[in-house]
Amino acid sequence: MEQTTLLLEYLREQYLQARQHETLEANATTFLTGSAGVVLGFALKEGSLNTNGLWVGIIVFLIGLANFRLNAAHFTGNRFHTGVAGRTRRALEEAIRDWTVETPTQIRKGVLIKQCLDGPNVSIGGKRHTALMTIPVVTMLLGIAVAFASKLPYHL
């Protein structure tokens, strides 16, 4: 097998794995947020929080915590595969010496500059991940609120 063919196949695999982590992160968030909603729905089906509110709050908090940890793990996996893909892309560019057009890295840099996304601390994947991480954080806060509300002298 030719070096460039091997590098290209390796590059494809890394991008596939990175996308898979993004998909799994989104799927986990959807499933676990829905699960927290179901737990809250059952707890509030009578129109107010019943006496099991403390346990409901703890369960909702734990669902949010599980979501937070899963998202963090998938983000780590995504960053690993995108990092390997970047190095592989540059190695592939080096293996193909006679470029008559812009290299993929040059195209990428140009678009990042045009969209004001260039800079040492800018990560498109990081921005997506940060936005998605608000969901488990809010779920955990909701769980804490429900647990505390269950201990009030009146029920919500």
Protein backbone atom coordinates (compact mmCIF):
# COMPACT_ATOMS: atom_id res chain seq x y z
CA MET A 1 0.00 0.00 0.00
CA GLU A 2 1.28 3.44 -0.89
CA GLN A 3 2.08 5.84 1.98
CA THR A 4 -0.41 8.48 0.89
CA THR A 5 -3.18 5.89 0.57
CA LEU A 6 -2.50 4.65 4.09
CA LEU A 7 -2.44 8.20 5.46
CA LEU A 8 -5.68 9.06 3.69
CA GLU A 9 -7.43 5.98 5.10
CA TYR A 10 -6.09 6.79 8.56
CA LEU A 11 -7.30 10.39 8.21
CA ARG A 12 -10.79 9.19 7.26
CA GLU A 13 -10.89 6.86 10.26
CA GLN A 14 -9.90 9.65 12.66
CA TYR A 15 -12.59 12.00 11.33
CA LEU A 16 -15.15 9.18 11.54
CA GLN A 17 -14.23 8.48 15.16
CA ALA A 18 -14.34 12.21 16.04
CA ARG A 19 -17.83 12.54 14.53
CA GLN A 20 -18.95 9.43 16.38
CA HIS A 21 -17.96 11.02 19.70
CA GLU A 22 -19.99 14.14 18.83
CA THR A 23 -23.00 12.00 17.92
CA LEU A 24 -22.74 9.91 21.08
CA GLU A 25 -22.39 13.05 23.21
CA ALA A 26 -25.56 14.52 21.68
CA ASN A 27 -27.44 11.22 21.97
CA ALA A 28 -26.47 10.79 25.63
CA THR A 29 -27.59 14.34 26.39
CA THR A 30 -30.92 13.80 24.66
CA PHE A 31 -31.59 10.46 26.36
CA LEU A 32 -30.51 11.50 29.85
CA THR A 33 -32.31 14.85 29.73
CA GLY A 34 -35.44 13.03 28.63
CA SER A 35 -34.96 10.56 31.48
CA ALA A 36 -34.71 13.41 33.99
CA GLY A 37 -37.90 14.85 32.52
CA VAL A 38 -39.70 11.53 32.94
CA VAL A 39 -38.59 11.29 36.58
CA LEU A 40 -39.79 14.84 37.23
CA GLY A 41 -43.03 14.15 35.37
CA PHE A 42 -43.84 11.16 37.54
CA ALA A 43 -42.96 13.11 40.67
CA LEU A 44 -45.23 16.00 39.68
CA LYS A 45 -48.07 14.02 38.10
CA GLU A 46 -50.41 14.93 40.95
CA GLY A 47 -49.74 18.62 40.37
CA SER A 48 -47.34 19.07 43.26
CA LEU A 49 -44.13 17.55 44.51
CA ASN A 50 -44.89 14.60 46.76
CA THR A 51 -43.00 13.55 49.86
CA ASN A 52 -40.44 11.62 47.78
CA GLY A 53 -39.07 14.92 46.46
CA LEU A 54 -35.70 14.43 48.10
CA TRP A 55 -35.15 11.16 46.24
CA VAL A 56 -36.49 12.65 43.01
CA GLY A 57 -34.03 15.53 43.34
CA ILE A 58 -31.16 13.16 44.03
CA ILE A 59 -32.06 11.01 41.01
CA VAL A 60 -32.34 14.04 38.72
CA PHE A 61 -29.00 15.34 40.03
CA LEU A 62 -27.33 11.96 39.41
CA ILE A 63 -28.75 11.83 35.87
CA GLY A 64 -27.27 15.28 35.24
CA LEU A 65 -23.94 14.20 36.73
CA ALA A 66 -23.85 11.08 34.55
CA ASN A 67 -24.58 13.24 31.51
CA PHE A 68 -21.81 15.67 32.49
CA ARG A 69 -19.26 12.86 32.88
CA LEU A 70 -20.28 11.16 29.61
CA ASN A 71 -20.04 14.45 27.73
CA ALA A 72 -16.60 15.13 29.17
CA ALA A 73 -15.41 11.65 28.14
CA HIS A 74 -16.75 11.99 24.62
CA PHE A 75 -15.20 15.45 24.27
CA THR A 76 -11.82 14.02 25.30
CA GLY A 77 -12.20 11.28 22.69
CA ASN A 78 -13.24 13.81 20.05
CA ARG A 79 -10.25 16.05 20.80
CA PHE A 80 -7.92 13.05 20.60
CA HIS A 81 -9.19 11.98 17.19
CA THR A 82 -9.25 15.52 15.76
CA GLY A 83 -5.69 16.03 17.00
CA VAL A 84 -4.53 12.83 15.33
CA ALA A 85 -6.45 13.82 12.19
CA GLY A 86 -4.70 17.19 12.08
CA ARG A 87 -1.26 15.61 12.34
CA THR A 88 -2.23 13.01 9.74
CA ARG A 89 -3.51 15.71 7.38
CA ARG A 90 -0.24 17.61 7.66
CA ALA A 91 1.77 14.40 7.12
CA LEU A 92 -0.30 13.69 4.02
CA GLU A 93 0.36 17.20 2.75
CA GLU A 94 4.09 16.68 3.26
CA ALA A 95 3.95 13.37 1.39
CA ILE A 96 2.34 15.13 -1.58
CA ARG A 97 5.07 17.64 -2.34
CA ASP A 98 3.90 19.21 -5.59
CA TRP A 99 0.74 21.09 -4.65
CA THR A 100 -0.68 23.15 -7.50
CA VAL A 101 -3.58 24.32 -5.36
CA GLU A 102 -3.93 25.33 -1.72
CA THR A 103 -3.31 22.57 0.77
CA PRO A 104 -6.17 21.56 3.06
CA THR A 105 -4.35 23.23 5.97
CA GLN A 106 -4.08 26.50 4.01
CA ILE A 107 -7.77 26.33 3.12
CA ARG A 108 -8.65 25.66 6.77
CA LYS A 109 -6.53 28.57 8.02
CA GLY A 110 -8.08 30.92 5.47
CA VAL A 111 -11.62 30.05 6.49
CA LEU A 112 -10.78 30.34 10.21
CA ILE A 113 -9.36 33.83 9.63
CA LYS A 114 -12.35 34.89 7.51
CA GLN A 115 -14.79 33.73 10.18
CA CYS A 116 -12.72 35.28 13.02
CA LEU A 117 -12.08 31.86 14.53
CA ASP A 118 -8.31 31.99 14.39
CA GLY A 119 -6.24 32.33 17.49
CA PRO A 120 -4.48 30.17 20.04
CA ASN A 121 -7.49 29.71 22.32
CA VAL A 122 -10.26 29.21 19.76
CA SER A 123 -11.75 25.74 19.42
CA ILE A 124 -14.87 25.19 17.35
CA GLY A 125 -15.39 21.80 18.99
CA GLY A 126 -14.78 23.41 22.37
CA LYS A 127 -17.48 26.01 21.73
CA ARG A 128 -19.97 23.29 20.77
CA HIS A 129 -19.03 21.22 23.81
CA THR A 130 -19.31 24.18 26.21
CA ALA A 131 -22.78 24.99 24.93
CA LEU A 132 -23.88 21.37 25.23
CA MET A 133 -22.49 21.09 28.78
CA THR A 134 -25.01 23.67 30.02
CA ILE A 135 -27.72 21.00 29.77
CA PRO A 136 -26.29 18.58 32.37
CA VAL A 137 -25.32 21.50 34.62
CA VAL A 138 -28.90 22.83 34.53
CA THR A 139 -30.19 19.28 35.14
CA MET A 140 -27.98 18.96 38.23
CA LEU A 141 -29.11 22.36 39.51
CA LEU A 142 -32.72 21.37 38.94
CA GLY A 143 -32.15 18.19 40.94
CA ILE A 144 -30.69 20.21 43.81
CA ALA A 145 -33.63 22.64 43.68
CA VAL A 146 -36.16 19.80 43.78
CA ALA A 147 -34.36 18.15 46.71
CA PHE A 148 -34.33 21.41 48.68
CA ALA A 149 -37.92 22.23 47.75
CA SER A 150 -39.03 18.90 49.16
CA LYS A 151 -37.74 19.96 52.55
CA LEU A 152 -39.73 23.22 52.63
CA PRO A 153 -42.64 23.32 55.08
CA TYR A 154 -45.02 23.57 52.09
CA HIS A 155 -44.88 21.54 48.88
CA LEU A 156 -44.65 23.00 45.39
